[in-house]
PDB file of all heavy atoms in Angstrom:
ATOM      1  N   GLU A   1      60.305 -61.440   3.370  1.00  0.00           N
ATOM      2  CA  GLU A   1      59.713 -60.800   2.200  1.00  0.00           C
ATOM      3  C   GLU A   1      58.208 -60.516   2.338  1.00  0.00           C
ATOM      4  O   GLU A   1      57.685 -59.680   1.668  1.00  0.00           O
ATOM      5  CB  GLU A   1      59.915 -61.684   0.979  1.00  0.00           C
ATOM      6  CG  GLU A   1      61.361 -61.962   0.560  1.00  0.00           C
ATOM      7  CD  GLU A   1      62.165 -60.717   0.267  1.00  0.00           C
ATOM      8  OE1 GLU A   1      61.588 -59.715  -0.215  1.00  0.00           O
ATOM      9  OE2 GLU A   1      63.415 -60.725   0.535  1.00  0.00           O
ATOM     10  N   HIS A   2      57.565 -61.185   3.238  1.00  0.00           N
ATOM     11  CA  HIS A   2      56.121 -60.955   3.457  1.00  0.00           C
ATOM     12  C   HIS A   2      55.828 -59.902   4.489  1.00  0.00           C
ATOM     13  O   HIS A   2      56.720 -59.671   5.393  1.00  0.00           O
ATOM     14  CB  HIS A   2      55.378 -62.224   3.869  1.00  0.00           C
ATOM     15  CG  HIS A   2      55.262 -63.207   2.741  1.00  0.00           C
ATOM     16  ND1 HIS A   2      54.370 -63.116   1.723  1.00  0.00           N
ATOM     17  CD2 HIS A   2      55.885 -64.447   2.497  1.00  0.00           C
ATOM     18  CE1 HIS A   2      54.444 -64.075   0.916  1.00  0.00           C
ATOM     19  NE2 HIS A   2      55.336 -64.954   1.399  1.00  0.00           N
ATOM     20  N   SER A   3      54.675 -59.208   4.374  1.00  0.00           N
ATOM     21  CA  SER A   3      54.326 -58.105   5.301  1.00  0.00           C
ATOM     22  C   SER A   3      53.315 -58.565   6.376  1.00  0.00           C
ATOM     23  O   SER A   3      52.833 -57.727   7.120  1.00  0.00           O
ATOM     24  CB  SER A   3      53.915 -56.897   4.565  1.00  0.00           C
ATOM     25  OG  SER A   3      52.790 -57.233   3.772  1.00  0.00           O
ATOM     26  N   HIS A   4      52.822 -59.805   6.272  1.00  0.00           N
ATOM     27  CA  HIS A   4      51.851 -60.328   7.280  1.00  0.00           C
ATOM     28  C   HIS A   4      52.111 -61.775   7.516  1.00  0.00           C
ATOM     29  O   HIS A   4      53.057 -62.319   7.015  1.00  0.00           O
ATOM     30  CB  HIS A   4      50.412 -60.021   6.745  1.00  0.00           C
ATOM     31  CG  HIS A   4      49.422 -59.821   7.861  1.00  0.00           C
ATOM     32  ND1 HIS A   4      48.585 -60.870   8.297  1.00  0.00           N
ATOM     33  CD2 HIS A   4      49.128 -58.762   8.619  1.00  0.00           C
ATOM     34  CE1 HIS A   4      47.816 -60.456   9.277  1.00  0.00           C
ATOM     35  NE2 HIS A   4      48.116 -59.153   9.558  1.00  0.00           N
ATOM     36  N   TRP A   5      51.227 -62.440   8.200  1.00  0.00           N
ATOM     37  CA  TRP A   5      51.387 -63.799   8.605  1.00  0.00           C
ATOM     38  C   TRP A   5      51.703 -64.727   7.368  1.00  0.00           C
ATOM     39  O   TRP A   5      51.064 -64.528   6.341  1.00  0.00           O
ATOM     40  CB  TRP A   5      50.080 -64.369   9.185  1.00  0.00           C
ATOM     41  CG  TRP A   5      49.616 -63.657  10.425  1.00  0.00           C
ATOM     42  CD1 TRP A   5      50.222 -62.759  11.148  1.00  0.00           C
ATOM     43  CD2 TRP A   5      48.314 -63.878  11.012  1.00  0.00           C
ATOM     44  NE1 TRP A   5      49.461 -62.290  12.204  1.00  0.00           N
ATOM     45  CE2 TRP A   5      48.282 -63.002  12.181  1.00  0.00           C
ATOM     46  CE3 TRP A   5      47.235 -64.678  10.730  1.00  0.00           C
ATOM     47  CZ2 TRP A   5      47.123 -62.920  12.963  1.00  0.00           C
ATOM     48  CZ3 TRP A   5      46.128 -64.646  11.633  1.00  0.00           C
ATOM     49  CH2 TRP A   5      46.083 -63.757  12.686  1.00  0.00           C
ATOM     50  N   VAL A   6      52.651 -65.533   7.527  1.00  0.00           N
ATOM     51  CA  VAL A   6      53.011 -66.526   6.405  1.00  0.00           C
ATOM     52  C   VAL A   6      52.264 -67.833   6.799  1.00  0.00           C
ATOM     53  O   VAL A   6      52.642 -68.508   7.788  1.00  0.00           O
ATOM     54  CB  VAL A   6      54.499 -66.800   6.290  1.00  0.00           C
ATOM     55  CG1 VAL A   6      54.793 -67.552   5.034  1.00  0.00           C
ATOM     56  CG2 VAL A   6      55.217 -65.338   6.186  1.00  0.00           C
ATOM     57  N   TRP A   7      51.274 -68.255   5.980  1.00  0.00           N
ATOM     58  CA  TRP A   7      50.472 -69.433   6.317  1.00  0.00           C
ATOM     59  C   TRP A   7      51.138 -70.742   5.779  1.00  0.00           C
ATOM     60  O   TRP A   7      50.866 -71.813   6.339  1.00  0.00           O
ATOM     61  CB  TRP A   7      49.121 -69.300   5.551  1.00  0.00           C
ATOM     62  CG  TRP A   7      48.189 -68.393   6.342  1.00  0.00           C
ATOM     63  CD1 TRP A   7      48.136 -67.006   6.189  1.00  0.00           C
ATOM     64  CD2 TRP A   7      47.211 -68.732   7.277  1.00  0.00           C
ATOM     65  NE1 TRP A   7      47.125 -66.507   7.051  1.00  0.00           N
ATOM     66  CE2 TRP A   7      46.553 -67.572   7.712  1.00  0.00           C
ATOM     67  CE3 TRP A   7      46.777 -69.982   7.830  1.00  0.00           C
ATOM     68  CZ2 TRP A   7      45.558 -67.537   8.637  1.00  0.00           C
ATOM     69  CZ3 TRP A   7      45.742 -69.959   8.787  1.00  0.00           C
ATOM     70  CH2 TRP A   7      45.130 -68.821   9.170  1.00  0.00           C
ATOM     71  N   ASN A   8      51.930 -70.661   4.759  1.00  0.00           N
ATOM     72  CA  ASN A   8      52.312 -71.866   4.067  1.00  0.00           C
ATOM     73  C   ASN A   8      53.740 -71.715   3.497  1.00  0.00           C
ATOM     74  O   ASN A   8      54.177 -70.687   2.968  1.00  0.00           O
ATOM     75  CB  ASN A   8      51.422 -72.076   2.833  1.00  0.00           C
ATOM     76  CG  ASN A   8      50.677 -73.367   2.885  1.00  0.00           C
ATOM     77  OD1 ASN A   8      49.964 -73.687   1.935  1.00  0.00           O
ATOM     78  ND2 ASN A   8      50.769 -74.151   3.929  1.00  0.00           N
ATOM     79  N   VAL A   9      54.574 -72.780   3.693  1.00  0.00           N
ATOM     80  CA  VAL A   9      55.875 -72.879   2.954  1.00  0.00           C
ATOM     81  C   VAL A   9      55.974 -74.275   2.320  1.00  0.00           C
ATOM     82  O   VAL A   9      55.618 -75.270   2.927  1.00  0.00           O
ATOM     83  CB  VAL A   9      57.042 -72.571   3.977  1.00  0.00           C
ATOM     84  CG1 VAL A   9      56.992 -73.585   5.150  1.00  0.00           C
ATOM     85  CG2 VAL A   9      58.373 -72.642   3.197  1.00  0.00           C
ATOM     86  N   ARG A  10      56.400 -74.319   1.069  1.00  0.00           N
ATOM     87  CA  ARG A  10      56.549 -75.562   0.355  1.00  0.00           C
ATOM     88  C   ARG A  10      57.891 -75.670  -0.426  1.00  0.00           C
ATOM     89  O   ARG A  10      58.106 -74.779  -1.261  1.00  0.00           O
ATOM     90  CB  ARG A  10      55.324 -75.829  -0.551  1.00  0.00           C
ATOM     91  CG  ARG A  10      54.109 -76.138   0.176  1.00  0.00           C
ATOM     92  CD  ARG A  10      54.119 -77.527   0.783  1.00  0.00           C
ATOM     93  NE  ARG A  10      52.924 -77.917   1.459  1.00  0.00           N
ATOM     94  CZ  ARG A  10      52.681 -77.626   2.781  1.00  0.00           C
ATOM     95  NH1 ARG A  10      53.643 -77.136   3.490  1.00  0.00           N
ATOM     96  NH2 ARG A  10      51.592 -77.990   3.353  1.00  0.00           N
ATOM     97  N   TYR A  11      58.582 -76.680  -0.264  1.00  0.00           N
ATOM     98  CA  TYR A  11      59.751 -76.997  -1.127  1.00  0.00           C
ATOM     99  C   TYR A  11      59.267 -77.648  -2.389  1.00  0.00           C
ATOM    100  O   TYR A  11      58.306 -78.448  -2.417  1.00  0.00           O
ATOM    101  CB  TYR A  11      60.683 -78.063  -0.417  1.00  0.00           C
ATOM    102  CG  TYR A  11      61.677 -77.533   0.537  1.00  0.00           C
ATOM    103  CD1 TYR A  11      61.464 -77.614   1.876  1.00  0.00           C
ATOM    104  CD2 TYR A  11      62.907 -76.990   0.100  1.00  0.00           C
ATOM    105  CE1 TYR A  11      62.418 -77.145   2.846  1.00  0.00           C
ATOM    106  CE2 TYR A  11      63.822 -76.545   1.041  1.00  0.00           C
ATOM    107  CZ  TYR A  11      63.568 -76.601   2.349  1.00  0.00           C
ATOM    108  OH  TYR A  11      64.499 -76.188   3.221  1.00  0.00           O
ATOM    109  N   ASN A  12      59.873 -77.348  -3.529  1.00  0.00           N
ATOM    110  CA  ASN A  12      59.680 -77.996  -4.747  1.00  0.00           C
ATOM    111  C   ASN A  12      60.209 -79.448  -4.661  1.00  0.00           C
ATOM    112  O   ASN A  12      61.318 -79.602  -4.135  1.00  0.00           O
ATOM    113  CB  ASN A  12      60.368 -77.314  -5.908  1.00  0.00           C
ATOM    114  CG  ASN A  12      60.050 -77.928  -7.312  1.00  0.00           C
ATOM    115  OD1 ASN A  12      60.419 -79.006  -7.544  1.00  0.00           O
ATOM    116  ND2 ASN A  12      59.311 -77.178  -8.102  1.00  0.00           N
ATOM    117  N   HIS A  13      59.422 -80.501  -5.101  1.00  0.00           N
ATOM    118  CA  HIS A  13      59.827 -81.878  -4.855  1.00  0.00           C
ATOM    119  C   HIS A  13      61.036 -82.268  -5.685  1.00  0.00           C
ATOM    120  O   HIS A  13      61.793 -83.164  -5.338  1.00  0.00           O
ATOM    121  CB  HIS A  13      58.690 -82.844  -5.200  1.00  0.00           C
ATOM    122  CG  HIS A  13      57.429 -82.477  -4.480  1.00  0.00           C
ATOM    123  ND1 HIS A  13      57.315 -82.453  -3.079  1.00  0.00           N
ATOM    124  CD2 HIS A  13      56.180 -82.096  -4.936  1.00  0.00           C
ATOM    125  CE1 HIS A  13      56.089 -82.101  -2.751  1.00  0.00           C
ATOM    126  NE2 HIS A  13      55.351 -81.862  -3.781  1.00  0.00           N
ATOM    127  N   SER A  14      61.246 -81.608  -6.884  1.00  0.00           N
ATOM    128  CA  SER A  14      62.326 -82.025  -7.752  1.00  0.00           C
ATOM    129  C   SER A  14      63.475 -81.069  -7.679  1.00  0.00           C
ATOM    130  O   SER A  14      64.645 -81.483  -7.858  1.00  0.00           O
ATOM    131  CB  SER A  14      61.821 -82.003  -9.228  1.00  0.00           C
ATOM    132  OG  SER A  14      60.689 -82.899  -9.344  1.00  0.00           O
ATOM    133  N   HIS A  15      63.276 -79.803  -7.389  1.00  0.00           N
ATOM    134  CA  HIS A  15      64.393 -78.815  -7.384  1.00  0.00           C
ATOM    135  C   HIS A  15      64.275 -78.073  -6.034  1.00  0.00           C
ATOM    136  O   HIS A  15      63.548 -77.054  -5.947  1.00  0.00           O
ATOM    137  CB  HIS A  15      64.263 -77.873  -8.578  1.00  0.00           C
ATOM    138  CG  HIS A  15      64.201 -78.610  -9.854  1.00  0.00           C
ATOM    139  ND1 HIS A  15      65.244 -79.153 -10.546  1.00  0.00           N
ATOM    140  CD2 HIS A  15      63.126 -78.889 -10.693  1.00  0.00           C
ATOM    141  CE1 HIS A  15      64.883 -79.767 -11.583  1.00  0.00           C
ATOM    142  NE2 HIS A  15      63.561 -79.587 -11.730  1.00  0.00           N
ATOM    143  N   ASP A  16      65.003 -78.525  -5.018  1.00  0.00           N
ATOM    144  CA  ASP A  16      64.738 -78.062  -3.728  1.00  0.00           C
ATOM    145  C   ASP A  16      65.258 -76.555  -3.444  1.00  0.00           C
ATOM    146  O   ASP A  16      65.059 -76.062  -2.337  1.00  0.00           O
ATOM    147  CB  ASP A  16      65.404 -78.992  -2.661  1.00  0.00           C
ATOM    148  CG  ASP A  16      66.914 -79.178  -2.796  1.00  0.00           C
ATOM    149  OD1 ASP A  16      67.567 -78.201  -3.247  1.00  0.00           O
ATOM    150  OD2 ASP A  16      67.426 -80.267  -2.515  1.00  0.00           O
ATOM    151  N   GLN A  17      65.817 -75.918  -4.486  1.00  0.00           N
ATOM    152  CA  GLN A  17      66.120 -74.545  -4.265  1.00  0.00           C
ATOM    153  C   GLN A  17      64.848 -73.645  -4.430  1.00  0.00           C
ATOM    154  O   GLN A  17      64.829 -72.501  -4.035  1.00  0.00           O
ATOM    155  CB  GLN A  17      67.239 -74.022  -5.183  1.00  0.00           C
ATOM    156  CG  GLN A  17      66.848 -73.942  -6.669  1.00  0.00           C
ATOM    157  CD  GLN A  17      67.265 -75.089  -7.455  1.00  0.00           C
ATOM    158  OE1 GLN A  17      67.076 -76.286  -7.053  1.00  0.00           O
ATOM    159  NE2 GLN A  17      67.948 -74.844  -8.577  1.00  0.00           N
ATOM    160  N   LEU A  18      63.827 -74.192  -5.062  1.00  0.00           N
ATOM    161  CA  LEU A  18      62.601 -73.423  -5.251  1.00  0.00           C
ATOM    162  C   LEU A  18      61.684 -73.521  -4.056  1.00  0.00           C
ATOM    163  O   LEU A  18      61.271 -74.636  -3.710  1.00  0.00           O
ATOM    164  CB  LEU A  18      61.862 -73.921  -6.534  1.00  0.00           C
ATOM    165  CG  LEU A  18      62.704 -73.867  -7.887  1.00  0.00           C
ATOM    166  CD1 LEU A  18      61.868 -74.417  -8.997  1.00  0.00           C
ATOM    167  CD2 LEU A  18      63.071 -72.404  -8.153  1.00  0.00           C
ATOM    168  N   ILE A  19      61.363 -72.370  -3.531  1.00  0.00           N
ATOM    169  CA  ILE A  19      60.469 -72.302  -2.246  1.00  0.00           C
ATOM    170  C   ILE A  19      59.256 -71.496  -2.533  1.00  0.00           C
ATOM    171  O   ILE A  19      59.391 -70.350  -3.066  1.00  0.00           O
ATOM    172  CB  ILE A  19      61.259 -71.765  -1.087  1.00  0.00           C
ATOM    173  CG1 ILE A  19      62.631 -72.427  -0.894  1.00  0.00           C
ATOM    174  CG2 ILE A  19      60.473 -71.722   0.159  1.00  0.00           C
ATOM    175  CD1 ILE A  19      62.511 -73.770  -0.325  1.00  0.00           C
ATOM    176  N   LEU A  20      58.109 -72.019  -2.231  1.00  0.00           N
ATOM    177  CA  LEU A  20      56.842 -71.279  -2.373  1.00  0.00           C
ATOM    178  C   LEU A  20      56.339 -70.833  -0.993  1.00  0.00           C
ATOM    179  O   LEU A  20      56.355 -71.660  -0.047  1.00  0.00           O
ATOM    180  CB  LEU A  20      55.757 -72.175  -3.008  1.00  0.00           C
ATOM    181  CG  LEU A  20      55.503 -72.170  -4.479  1.00  0.00           C
ATOM    182  CD1 LEU A  20      54.296 -73.113  -4.707  1.00  0.00           C
ATOM    183  CD2 LEU A  20      55.240 -70.858  -5.023  1.00  0.00           C
ATOM    184  N   THR A  21      55.897 -69.646  -0.885  1.00  0.00           N
ATOM    185  CA  THR A  21      55.265 -69.183   0.401  1.00  0.00           C
ATOM    186  C   THR A  21      53.949 -68.436   0.054  1.00  0.00           C
ATOM    187  O   THR A  21      53.850 -67.718  -0.899  1.00  0.00           O
ATOM    188  CB  THR A  21      56.213 -68.283   1.229  1.00  0.00           C
ATOM    189  OG1 THR A  21      56.641 -67.185   0.428  1.00  0.00           O
ATOM    190  CG2 THR A  21      57.371 -69.085   1.756  1.00  0.00           C
ATOM    191  N   GLY A  22      52.967 -68.568   0.934  1.00  0.00           N
ATOM    192  CA  GLY A  22      51.690 -67.831   0.821  1.00  0.00           C
ATOM    193  C   GLY A  22      51.436 -67.125   2.147  1.00  0.00           C
ATOM    194  O   GLY A  22      51.713 -67.644   3.179  1.00  0.00           O
ATOM    195  N   SER A  23      50.822 -65.929   2.050  1.00  0.00           N
ATOM    196  CA  SER A  23      50.645 -65.090   3.231  1.00  0.00           C
ATOM    197  C   SER A  23      49.312 -64.365   3.253  1.00  0.00           C
ATOM    198  O   SER A  23      48.647 -64.192   2.237  1.00  0.00           O
ATOM    199  CB  SER A  23      51.842 -64.100   3.256  1.00  0.00           C
ATOM    200  OG  SER A  23      51.585 -63.024   4.133  1.00  0.00           O
ATOM    201  N   SER A  24      49.006 -63.844   4.464  1.00  0.00           N
ATOM    202  CA  SER A  24      47.882 -62.989   4.616  1.00  0.00           C
ATOM    203  C   SER A  24      48.059 -61.593   3.977  1.00  0.00           C
ATOM    204  O   SER A  24      47.108 -60.781   3.972  1.00  0.00           O
ATOM    205  CB  SER A  24      47.546 -62.753   6.117  1.00  0.00           C
ATOM    206  OG  SER A  24      47.177 -63.956   6.741  1.00  0.00           O
ATOM    207  N   ASP A  25      49.254 -61.344   3.394  1.00  0.00           N
ATOM    208  CA  ASP A  25      49.434 -60.080   2.683  1.00  0.00           C
ATOM    209  C   ASP A  25      48.913 -60.234   1.270  1.00  0.00           C
ATOM    210  O   ASP A  25      49.180 -59.431   0.373  1.00  0.00           O
ATOM    211  CB  ASP A  25      50.882 -59.606   2.696  1.00  0.00           C
ATOM    212  CG  ASP A  25      51.845 -60.609   2.058  1.00  0.00           C
ATOM    213  OD1 ASP A  25      51.371 -61.555   1.405  1.00  0.00           O
ATOM    214  OD2 ASP A  25      53.074 -60.411   2.144  1.00  0.00           O
ATOM    215  N   SER A  26      48.237 -61.344   0.967  1.00  0.00           N
ATOM    216  CA  SER A  26      47.569 -61.657  -0.355  1.00  0.00           C
ATOM    217  C   SER A  26      48.543 -62.051  -1.450  1.00  0.00           C
ATOM    218  O   SER A  26      48.201 -62.082  -2.626  1.00  0.00           O
ATOM    219  CB  SER A  26      46.681 -60.489  -0.876  1.00  0.00           C
ATOM    220  OG  SER A  26      45.815 -60.023   0.130  1.00  0.00           O
ATOM    221  N   ARG A  27      49.808 -62.287  -1.041  1.00  0.00           N
ATOM    222  CA  ARG A  27      50.779 -62.548  -2.068  1.00  0.00           C
ATOM    223  C   ARG A  27      51.331 -63.979  -1.971  1.00  0.00           C
ATOM    224  O   ARG A  27      51.438 -64.549  -0.912  1.00  0.00           O
ATOM    225  CB  ARG A  27      51.984 -61.548  -1.922  1.00  0.00           C
ATOM    226  CG  ARG A  27      51.598 -60.110  -2.198  1.00  0.00           C
ATOM    227  CD  ARG A  27      52.775 -59.242  -2.168  1.00  0.00           C
ATOM    228  NE  ARG A  27      53.454 -59.237  -0.869  1.00  0.00           N
ATOM    229  CZ  ARG A  27      54.711 -58.811  -0.676  1.00  0.00           C
ATOM    230  NH1 ARG A  27      55.440 -58.415  -1.682  1.00  0.00           N
ATOM    231  NH2 ARG A  27      55.231 -58.849   0.549  1.00  0.00           N
ATOM    232  N   VAL A  28      51.714 -64.463  -3.105  1.00  0.00           N
ATOM    233  CA  VAL A  28      52.489 -65.744  -3.241  1.00  0.00           C
ATOM    234  C   VAL A  28      53.887 -65.378  -3.687  1.00  0.00           C
ATOM    235  O   VAL A  28      54.031 -64.645  -4.693  1.00  0.00           O
ATOM    236  CB  VAL A  28      51.836 -66.734  -4.207  1.00  0.00           C
ATOM    237  CG1 VAL A  28      52.726 -68.009  -4.378  1.00  0.00           C
ATOM    238  CG2 VAL A  28      50.431 -67.096  -3.713  1.00  0.00           C
ATOM    239  N   ILE A  29      54.886 -65.856  -2.987  1.00  0.00           N
ATOM    240  CA  ILE A  29      56.270 -65.523  -3.330  1.00  0.00           C
ATOM    241  C   ILE A  29      57.005 -66.779  -3.681  1.00  0.00           C
ATOM    242  O   ILE A  29      57.000 -67.779  -3.002  1.00  0.00           O
ATOM    243  CB  ILE A  29      57.008 -64.675  -2.243  1.00  0.00           C
ATOM    244  CG1 ILE A  29      56.353 -63.361  -2.021  1.00  0.00           C
ATOM    245  CG2 ILE A  29      58.503 -64.597  -2.520  1.00  0.00           C
ATOM    246  CD1 ILE A  29      57.004 -62.444  -0.977  1.00  0.00           C
TER     247      ILE A  29
END
């Protein structure tokens, strides 16, 4: 889903279907 480097990926501690990602494309998904 990102268009540039993905710097970070994090699972939600309570609900593991929720995934956060941050990227050099300036977006958080």
